[in-house]
Amino acid sequence: MSERPFIPAAKPLIGDEEITAVTEVMHSGMVVQGPQVQAFEEEFSAAMAPGTYAIAVNSGTSAQHIATMASALCKMGVVSEDAHGKRLVPAPHLMGSNATATSHAHQEVIVPSFTFAATANSVALTGARPVFADIDPRTFTLDPASVEAAITERTVAIEVVHLYGLPAAMEEILAIARRYNLDVYEDCAQAHGAMLNGKRVGTFGQWGSFSFYPTKNMTSLEGGMITTTDPDLARVCRLLRNQGMERQYANEVVGLNNRMTDVAAAVGRVQLAKVGGWTQQRQRNAEVLTAGLSPLAGVHTPYVPEGADHVYHQYTICFEGMTGAERDRLAQAMKDEWRVGTGVYYPIPNHRLESLRSFAQDLELPVTEKVARECLSLPVHPSLTEADLERIIEAVHACVSAGA
């Protein structure tokens, strides 16, 4: 079987159109925060988050970080009119170099632990405390009951993650947020185009953040996008990404350099035109995998609630009752014996990470820890052939049967 071509767990799709778009930008001389970025923002909003302002930045993590900072600044500051239009006038103590830490100090944002660390990192970097809640064992997204149990008088927001491309339980989360007067943030890094009851992710809460890392459903090589219906929040995000200024040398707040390049935006625009077709292929691939794996005892295939449109950034299964070591041996056998790549997202929950566990002393999240032991993501990307899908299914069956 070693002669077979390797099936990677993920595969970026970059073609001649993207290369041509990059070349045109390089020849234009306008390579940073120019017309390509503006066009990408407008097109992304129209296609992926209708009715929102879109703010392009240099990574998905930057999108989360800036949006979280902007939320804090908008709460603490005052938006007023001057000769140049709306501008942010923060409270005096927000003007100094410690603005981000001061603005959110002693506040809490509820987040899942079963996700990439950037979600909690972005909260902690503002000076707020990430509070970890457990997940639903079927969807792997935040469990509303666990969220409500984690609310304290310091809670200011709930940040959902639309994990693997499946929308979180937004109706229940939004209802909780209304009861307790909390904001809702959306981490949409893996969920470009995902919908719940016809409404796209990134349009439910105060803001959504998207990633264009190379292995995401669409890429700009590296980059991110913030979406929001709030014009004041959108303006503050634009300030923060560009050293705190909209007009050159007229710095209004302490900001960052998180701009997107026109090179990245040009690639993103080409990819945006393709991602709809790729998503359909991902969904067809997922249907084949589910049909082939559902009969296998002890294997749980992805659950899709009624009304949800899953875009399958990852096709993640769980092996009931396996230890992490057993799961890892099975994954290794699939690679060595069947030439099938897999991924484990995420083997160490955030509340167990060295960098974040100080926020979660003695915290037990039983579902999160169970799923982290049992989960395995299989290839589902649009490049797969029918033969590839058959081999993936055969490999899982064989390795489970062999007790690998």
Protein backbone atom coordinates (compact mmCIF):
# COMPACT_ATOMS: atom_id res chain seq x y z
CA MET A 1 0.00 0.00 0.00
CA SER A 2 2.99 2.31 0.37
CA GLU A 3 2.98 2.85 -3.42
CA ARG A 4 -0.33 4.64 -3.19
CA PRO A 5 -0.26 8.44 -3.30
CA PHE A 6 -0.61 10.03 0.11
CA ILE A 7 -3.99 11.63 0.90
CA PRO A 8 -3.28 14.76 2.95
CA ALA A 9 -5.58 15.84 5.76
CA ALA A 10 -5.85 19.28 4.16
CA LYS A 11 -4.79 20.76 0.85
CA PRO A 12 -4.77 24.46 -0.10
CA LEU A 13 -6.14 25.09 -3.59
CA ILE A 14 -4.20 27.88 -5.31
CA GLY A 15 -4.40 28.15 -9.09
CA ASP A 16 -3.35 30.31 -11.99
CA GLU A 17 -6.04 32.91 -11.27
CA GLU A 18 -4.59 33.61 -7.83
CA ILE A 19 -1.06 33.83 -9.25
CA THR A 20 -2.20 36.25 -11.94
CA ALA A 21 -4.00 38.41 -9.36
CA VAL A 22 -0.85 38.59 -7.22
CA THR A 23 1.29 39.54 -10.22
CA GLU A 24 -1.08 42.36 -11.16
CA VAL A 25 -0.92 43.79 -7.65
CA MET A 26 2.86 43.61 -7.57
CA HIS A 27 3.02 45.54 -10.84
CA SER A 28 0.52 48.13 -9.60
CA GLY A 29 2.77 49.54 -6.88
CA MET A 30 -0.15 49.63 -4.40
CA VAL A 31 0.52 46.64 -2.19
CA VAL A 32 -0.80 47.45 1.32
CA GLN A 33 -4.28 48.51 2.45
CA GLY A 34 -5.27 49.68 -1.03
CA PRO A 35 -8.09 49.13 -3.54
CA GLN A 36 -7.86 45.34 -3.41
CA VAL A 37 -8.47 45.36 0.34
CA GLN A 38 -11.48 47.65 0.00
CA ALA A 39 -12.94 45.51 -2.78
CA PHE A 40 -12.36 42.32 -0.79
CA GLU A 41 -14.12 43.80 2.23
CA GLU A 42 -17.15 44.78 0.16
CA GLU A 43 -17.34 41.47 -1.68
CA PHE A 44 -16.85 39.40 1.46
CA SER A 45 -19.60 41.27 3.28
CA ALA A 46 -22.02 40.77 0.39
CA ALA A 47 -21.23 37.07 -0.04
CA MET A 48 -20.54 35.83 3.48
CA ALA A 49 -22.13 38.24 5.97
CA PRO A 50 -24.86 40.30 4.29
CA GLY A 51 -25.73 43.55 6.02
CA THR A 52 -22.40 43.86 7.84
CA TYR A 53 -19.34 46.06 7.62
CA ALA A 54 -16.24 43.98 6.87
CA ILE A 55 -12.78 44.96 8.11
CA ALA A 56 -9.79 43.09 6.67
CA VAL A 57 -6.73 42.37 8.81
CA ASN A 58 -3.57 40.30 8.59
CA SER A 59 -4.75 37.11 10.33
CA GLY A 60 -7.73 35.42 11.93
CA THR A 61 -6.15 35.91 15.34
CA SER A 62 -5.78 39.63 14.65
CA ALA A 63 -9.46 39.74 13.71
CA GLN A 64 -10.41 38.29 17.10
CA HIS A 65 -7.96 40.41 19.03
CA ILE A 66 -8.91 43.69 17.40
CA ALA A 67 -12.65 43.02 17.61
CA THR A 68 -12.37 42.16 21.30
CA MET A 69 -10.35 45.32 22.00
CA ALA A 70 -12.78 47.41 19.97
CA SER A 71 -15.73 46.05 21.96
CA ALA A 72 -14.04 47.08 25.19
CA LEU A 73 -13.17 50.55 23.89
CA CYS A 74 -16.69 51.15 22.60
CA LYS A 75 -18.13 50.21 25.98
CA MET A 76 -15.77 52.51 27.88
CA GLY A 77 -15.51 55.35 25.40
CA VAL A 78 -17.85 57.83 23.77
CA VAL A 79 -18.44 58.09 20.04
CA SER A 80 -18.99 61.70 19.01
CA GLU A 81 -19.16 63.88 15.91
CA ASP A 82 -16.53 66.37 14.85
CA ALA A 83 -15.60 68.14 11.63
CA HIS A 84 -14.29 64.88 10.21
CA GLY A 85 -17.31 62.80 11.20
CA LYS A 86 -17.64 60.21 13.94
CA ARG A 87 -14.65 59.65 16.17
CA LEU A 88 -13.93 57.71 19.34
CA VAL A 89 -13.30 59.72 22.50
CA PRO A 90 -12.15 57.14 25.08
CA ALA A 91 -12.18 57.63 28.79
CA PRO A 92 -8.90 59.32 29.83
CA HIS A 93 -7.35 56.18 31.27
CA LEU A 94 -7.72 54.43 27.92
CA MET A 95 -5.40 56.81 26.14
CA GLY A 96 -2.15 55.44 27.57
CA SER A 97 0.00 52.51 26.56
CA ASN A 98 -1.88 50.16 28.87
CA ALA A 99 -5.20 50.84 27.15
CA THR A 100 -5.97 47.28 26.19
CA ALA A 101 -5.33 45.85 29.64
CA THR A 102 -7.19 48.61 31.47
CA SER A 103 -10.20 48.57 29.18
CA HIS A 104 -11.25 45.02 29.99
CA ALA A 105 -9.71 44.47 33.42
CA HIS A 106 -11.71 42.31 35.85
CA GLN A 107 -14.24 41.38 33.17
CA GLU A 108 -14.98 37.87 31.94
CA VAL A 109 -15.78 36.40 28.55
CA ILE A 110 -17.13 32.84 28.36
CA VAL A 111 -15.38 30.73 25.70
CA PRO A 112 -15.11 27.05 24.79
CA SER A 113 -12.00 25.17 25.83
CA PHE A 114 -12.29 22.78 22.88
CA THR A 115 -10.89 25.02 20.15
CA PHE A 116 -7.64 26.61 19.02
CA ALA A 117 -6.01 28.75 21.71
CA ALA A 118 -6.40 31.99 19.73
CA THR A 119 -9.97 32.35 21.02
CA ALA A 120 -9.00 32.52 24.68
CA ASN A 121 -5.72 34.28 23.89
CA SER A 122 -7.58 37.19 22.30
CA VAL A 123 -9.66 37.63 25.43
CA ALA A 124 -6.67 37.39 27.78
CA LEU A 125 -4.65 39.88 25.74
CA THR A 126 -7.25 42.58 26.40
CA GLY A 127 -6.87 42.09 30.15
CA ALA A 128 -10.13 40.21 30.51
CA ARG A 129 -10.46 36.69 31.90
CA PRO A 130 -11.44 33.82 29.60
CA VAL A 131 -13.92 31.57 31.41
CA PHE A 132 -14.13 28.11 29.91
CA ALA A 133 -17.44 26.31 29.39
CA ASP A 134 -18.14 22.77 28.25
CA ILE A 135 -19.38 21.61 24.85
CA ASP A 136 -22.28 19.62 23.47
CA PRO A 137 -21.03 16.03 22.88
CA ARG A 138 -22.75 15.85 19.48
CA THR A 139 -21.89 19.21 17.92
CA PHE A 140 -18.61 20.01 19.77
CA THR A 141 -19.82 23.63 20.13
CA LEU A 142 -20.66 25.46 23.37
CA ASP A 143 -23.25 23.79 25.57
CA PRO A 144 -25.79 26.49 26.48
CA ALA A 145 -26.39 24.99 29.94
CA SER A 146 -22.67 25.09 30.73
CA VAL A 147 -22.50 28.67 29.46
CA GLU A 148 -25.32 29.80 31.73
CA ALA A 149 -23.75 28.06 34.71
CA ALA A 150 -20.49 29.96 34.10
CA ILE A 151 -22.04 33.45 34.18
CA THR A 152 -21.02 35.74 37.04
CA GLU A 153 -21.51 39.42 37.81
CA ARG A 154 -18.26 40.07 35.88
CA THR A 155 -19.36 38.38 32.66
CA VAL A 156 -19.61 40.79 29.73
CA ALA A 157 -19.79 38.47 26.71
CA ILE A 158 -20.09 34.95 25.36
CA GLU A 159 -17.80 33.97 22.49
CA VAL A 160 -18.99 31.01 20.45
CA VAL A 161 -16.83 29.02 18.05
CA HIS A 162 -18.53 27.59 14.97
CA LEU A 163 -16.21 24.62 15.20
CA TYR A 164 -15.24 22.52 12.17
CA GLY A 165 -17.72 24.52 10.05
CA LEU A 166 -20.88 23.83 12.08
CA PRO A 167 -22.84 26.78 13.51
CA ALA A 168 -23.09 26.88 17.29
CA ALA A 169 -26.47 26.78 19.08
CA MET A 170 -27.11 30.45 18.40
CA GLU A 171 -30.79 30.62 19.34
CA GLU A 172 -30.10 29.29 22.82
CA ILE A 173 -26.89 31.33 23.26
CA LEU A 174 -28.57 34.55 22.14
CA ALA A 175 -31.49 33.92 24.49
CA ILE A 176 -29.06 33.54 27.42
CA ALA A 177 -27.25 36.71 26.35
CA ARG A 178 -30.51 38.66 26.31
CA ARG A 179 -31.46 37.41 29.79
CA TYR A 180 -28.17 38.55 31.28
CA ASN A 181 -27.54 41.58 29.04
CA LEU A 182 -24.36 40.12 27.53
CA ASP A 183 -22.66 40.60 24.17
CA VAL A 184 -22.14 37.65 21.82
CA TYR A 185 -18.96 37.28 19.76
CA GLU A 186 -18.54 34.75 16.95
CA ASP A 187 -15.35 32.92 16.04
CA CYS A 188 -16.08 31.93 12.44
CA ALA A 189 -12.50 30.97 11.53
CA GLN A 190 -13.60 27.55 10.24
CA ALA A 191 -17.10 28.39 9.06
CA HIS A 192 -17.06 30.53 5.91
CA GLY A 193 -20.61 30.43 4.54
CA ALA A 194 -22.10 28.26 7.30
CA MET A 195 -25.73 29.05 8.10
CA LEU A 196 -28.33 28.43 10.75
CA ASN A 197 -31.95 28.64 9.62
CA GLY A 198 -30.83 30.61 6.58
CA LYS A 199 -28.79 33.17 8.53
CA ARG A 200 -25.04 33.24 7.99
CA VAL A 201 -22.51 32.99 10.78
CA GLY A 202 -20.82 36.30 11.48
CA THR A 203 -24.17 38.12 11.48
CA PHE A 204 -25.66 36.91 14.77
CA GLY A 205 -23.57 38.69 17.40
CA GLN A 206 -21.77 41.97 17.99
CA TRP A 207 -19.05 40.77 15.63
CA GLY A 208 -17.70 37.77 13.79
CA SER A 209 -14.07 36.93 13.01
CA PHE A 210 -12.89 34.88 10.02
CA SER A 211 -9.52 33.36 9.15
CA PHE A 212 -7.92 32.95 5.72
CA TYR A 213 -5.06 30.70 6.78
CA PRO A 214 -3.95 28.42 3.89
CA THR A 215 -5.84 25.33 5.13
CA LYS A 216 -9.14 27.14 5.74
CA ASN A 217 -12.09 26.71 3.35
CA MET A 218 -10.76 29.77 1.49
CA THR A 219 -7.43 31.53 1.84
CA SER A 220 -5.69 34.83 1.26
CA LEU A 221 -2.38 33.08 2.09
CA GLU A 222 -2.67 34.70 5.52
CA GLY A 223 -5.36 37.10 6.65
CA GLY A 224 -8.57 37.64 8.57
CA MET A 225 -11.84 39.54 8.46
CA ILE A 226 -14.10 41.13 11.08
CA THR A 227 -17.81 41.49 10.37
CA THR A 228 -20.21 43.66 12.35
CA THR A 229 -23.48 45.53 11.89
CA ASP A 230 -22.33 48.24 14.31
CA PRO A 231 -20.79 51.21 12.42
CA ASP A 232 -19.06 52.54 15.53
CA LEU A 233 -17.46 49.19 16.29
CA ALA A 234 -16.40 48.88 12.65
CA ARG A 235 -14.71 52.27 12.79
CA VAL A 236 -12.83 51.44 15.97
CA CYS A 237 -11.64 48.16 14.39
CA ARG A 238 -10.32 50.18 11.44
CA LEU A 239 -8.52 52.49 13.84
CA LEU A 240 -6.95 49.66 15.80
CA ARG A 241 -5.67 47.80 12.74
CA ASN A 242 -3.86 50.93 11.50
CA GLN A 243 -1.93 52.39 14.45
CA GLY A 244 -5.07 54.02 15.85
CA MET A 245 -5.64 56.37 12.91
CA GLU A 246 -7.88 56.81 9.90
CA ARG A 247 -6.14 59.97 8.70
CA GLN A 248 -2.36 59.86 8.50
CA TYR A 249 -0.68 61.06 11.70
CA ALA A 250 -4.05 61.80 13.34
CA ASN A 251 -3.80 58.95 15.89
CA GLU A 252 -6.94 58.74 18.04
CA VAL A 253 -6.24 55.64 20.15
CA VAL A 254 -3.32 53.34 20.85
CA GLY A 255 -3.39 50.94 17.92
CA LEU A 256 -1.60 48.11 16.14
CA ASN A 257 -0.20 47.40 12.69
CA ASN A 258 -2.52 44.58 11.62
CA ARG A 259 -3.29 45.72 8.08
CA MET A 260 -3.97 43.29 5.24
CA THR A 261 -1.82 43.57 2.12
CA ASP A 262 -3.34 44.07 -1.32
CA VAL A 263 -1.53 40.89 -2.36
CA ALA A 264 -3.47 38.90 0.23
CA ALA A 265 -6.73 40.65 -0.64
CA ALA A 266 -6.29 39.89 -4.34
CA VAL A 267 -5.88 36.19 -3.56
CA GLY A 268 -8.89 36.35 -1.24
CA ARG A 269 -11.08 37.90 -3.93
CA VAL A 270 -10.30 35.08 -6.34
CA GLN A 271 -10.90 32.47 -3.64
CA LEU A 272 -14.18 34.09 -2.63
CA ALA A 273 -15.53 33.42 -6.11
CA LYS A 274 -14.62 29.74 -5.79
CA VAL A 275 -15.46 28.88 -2.19
CA GLY A 276 -19.16 28.23 -2.85
CA GLY A 277 -18.36 25.40 -5.25
CA TRP A 278 -15.69 24.05 -2.92
CA THR A 279 -18.18 24.03 -0.05
CA GLN A 280 -20.63 21.99 -2.09
CA GLN A 281 -17.88 19.48 -2.84
CA ARG A 282 -16.95 19.29 0.85
CA GLN A 283 -20.58 18.58 1.68
CA ARG A 284 -20.79 15.86 -0.98
CA ASN A 285 -17.57 14.30 0.33
CA ALA A 286 -18.97 14.39 3.86
CA GLU A 287 -22.12 12.59 2.71
CA VAL A 288 -20.01 9.80 1.22
CA LEU A 289 -17.89 9.49 4.37
CA THR A 290 -20.96 9.44 6.63
CA ALA A 291 -22.66 6.76 4.53
CA GLY A 292 -19.53 4.62 4.68
CA LEU A 293 -18.69 5.11 8.36
CA SER A 294 -22.08 5.30 10.10
CA PRO A 295 -22.52 1.49 10.19
CA LEU A 296 -19.23 1.10 12.05
CA ALA A 297 -19.86 0.33 15.74
CA GLY A 298 -18.26 2.75 18.15
CA VAL A 299 -17.67 5.47 15.54
CA HIS A 300 -19.67 8.68 15.79
CA THR A 301 -19.90 10.65 12.55
CA PRO A 302 -20.61 14.41 12.49
CA TYR A 303 -24.01 15.45 13.82
CA VAL A 304 -25.82 18.25 11.98
CA PRO A 305 -28.81 19.76 13.82
CA GLU A 306 -31.96 20.61 11.91
CA GLY A 307 -31.64 23.99 10.21
CA ALA A 308 -27.84 23.99 10.27
CA ASP A 309 -25.71 24.19 7.14
CA HIS A 310 -22.34 22.55 7.88
CA VAL A 311 -19.46 23.65 5.61
CA TYR A 312 -17.05 20.90 6.78
CA HIS A 313 -13.79 22.66 7.35
CA GLN A 314 -13.07 19.40 9.14
CA TYR A 315 -14.87 16.06 9.03
CA THR A 316 -14.42 14.94 12.62
CA ILE A 317 -15.39 11.56 14.01
CA CYS A 318 -15.15 10.18 17.54
CA PHE A 319 -14.16 6.69 18.64
CA GLU A 320 -16.33 5.89 21.63
CA GLY A 321 -14.33 4.88 24.68
CA MET A 322 -10.86 5.25 23.16
CA THR A 323 -7.97 6.74 25.04
CA GLY A 324 -5.90 9.45 23.41
CA ALA A 325 -3.03 6.99 22.98
CA GLU A 326 -5.31 4.47 21.23
CA ARG A 327 -6.64 7.16 18.93
CA ASP A 328 -3.11 8.27 18.10
CA ARG A 329 -2.07 4.70 17.26
CA LEU A 330 -5.05 4.36 14.95
CA ALA A 331 -4.13 7.62 13.21
CA GLN A 332 -0.55 6.43 12.79
CA ALA A 333 -1.74 3.14 11.31
CA MET A 334 -3.90 5.02 8.80
CA LYS A 335 -0.87 7.03 7.76
CA ASP A 336 1.63 4.17 7.64
CA GLU A 337 -0.56 1.37 6.29
CA TRP A 338 -3.14 3.25 4.23
CA ARG A 339 -1.36 6.49 3.30
CA VAL A 340 -4.21 8.57 4.71
CA GLY A 341 -3.45 11.72 6.64
CA THR A 342 -5.56 12.79 9.61
CA GLY A 343 -5.54 15.51 12.24
CA VAL A 344 -6.42 15.86 15.92
CA TYR A 345 -8.13 19.18 16.61
CA TYR A 346 -7.61 19.59 19.55
CA PRO A 347 -5.67 17.08 21.70
CA ILE A 348 -5.14 19.42 24.67
CA PRO A 349 -8.14 21.50 25.72
CA ASN A 350 -7.38 25.17 26.35
CA HIS A 351 -8.01 24.92 30.09
CA ARG A 352 -5.19 22.33 30.28
CA LEU A 353 -2.66 24.35 28.28
CA GLU A 354 0.32 25.73 30.16
CA SER A 355 -0.42 29.18 28.76
CA LEU A 356 -4.07 29.31 29.86
CA ARG A 357 -4.56 26.96 32.79
CA SER A 358 -4.08 29.77 35.30
CA PHE A 359 -7.55 30.93 34.24
CA ALA A 360 -9.05 27.52 35.03
CA GLN A 361 -7.74 26.26 38.36
CA ASP A 362 -9.36 22.90 39.27
CA LEU A 363 -11.84 23.25 36.40
CA GLU A 364 -13.39 20.03 35.12
CA LEU A 365 -14.97 19.94 31.66
CA PRO A 366 -15.82 16.26 31.21
CA VAL A 367 -17.29 16.42 27.70
CA THR A 368 -14.45 18.56 26.39
CA GLU A 369 -11.84 16.17 27.78
CA LYS A 370 -13.67 13.09 26.47
CA VAL A 371 -13.96 14.50 22.95
CA ALA A 372 -10.30 15.60 23.00
CA ARG A 373 -9.34 11.94 23.66
CA GLU A 374 -11.66 10.41 21.09
CA CYS A 375 -11.76 12.79 18.11
CA LEU A 376 -10.02 12.41 14.76
CA SER A 377 -10.44 14.58 11.66
CA LEU A 378 -10.43 12.87 8.27
CA PRO A 379 -9.70 14.42 4.87
CA VAL A 380 -12.80 16.11 3.39
CA HIS A 381 -11.24 18.78 1.15
CA PRO A 382 -12.48 19.37 -2.41
CA SER A 383 -9.44 17.72 -4.04
CA LEU A 384 -10.52 14.21 -2.97
CA THR A 385 -11.47 11.71 -5.65
CA GLU A 386 -14.02 8.90 -5.32
CA ALA A 387 -11.12 6.49 -4.93
CA ASP A 388 -9.67 8.65 -2.15
CA LEU A 389 -12.96 8.61 -0.25
CA GLU A 390 -13.24 4.83 -0.64
CA ARG A 391 -9.72 4.38 0.72
CA ILE A 392 -10.40 6.66 3.71
CA ILE A 393 -13.52 4.65 4.59
CA GLU A 394 -11.73 1.33 4.11
CA ALA A 395 -8.83 2.52 6.24
CA VAL A 396 -11.05 3.49 9.18
CA HIS A 397 -12.91 0.17 9.02
CA ALA A 398 -9.67 -1.82 8.87
CA CYS A 399 -7.92 0.05 11.66
CA VAL A 400 -10.92 -0.10 13.99
CA SER A 401 -11.34 -3.80 13.32
CA ALA A 402 -7.64 -4.42 13.96
CA GLY A 403 -7.79 -2.52 17.21
CA ALA A 404 -5.03 -0.17 16.01
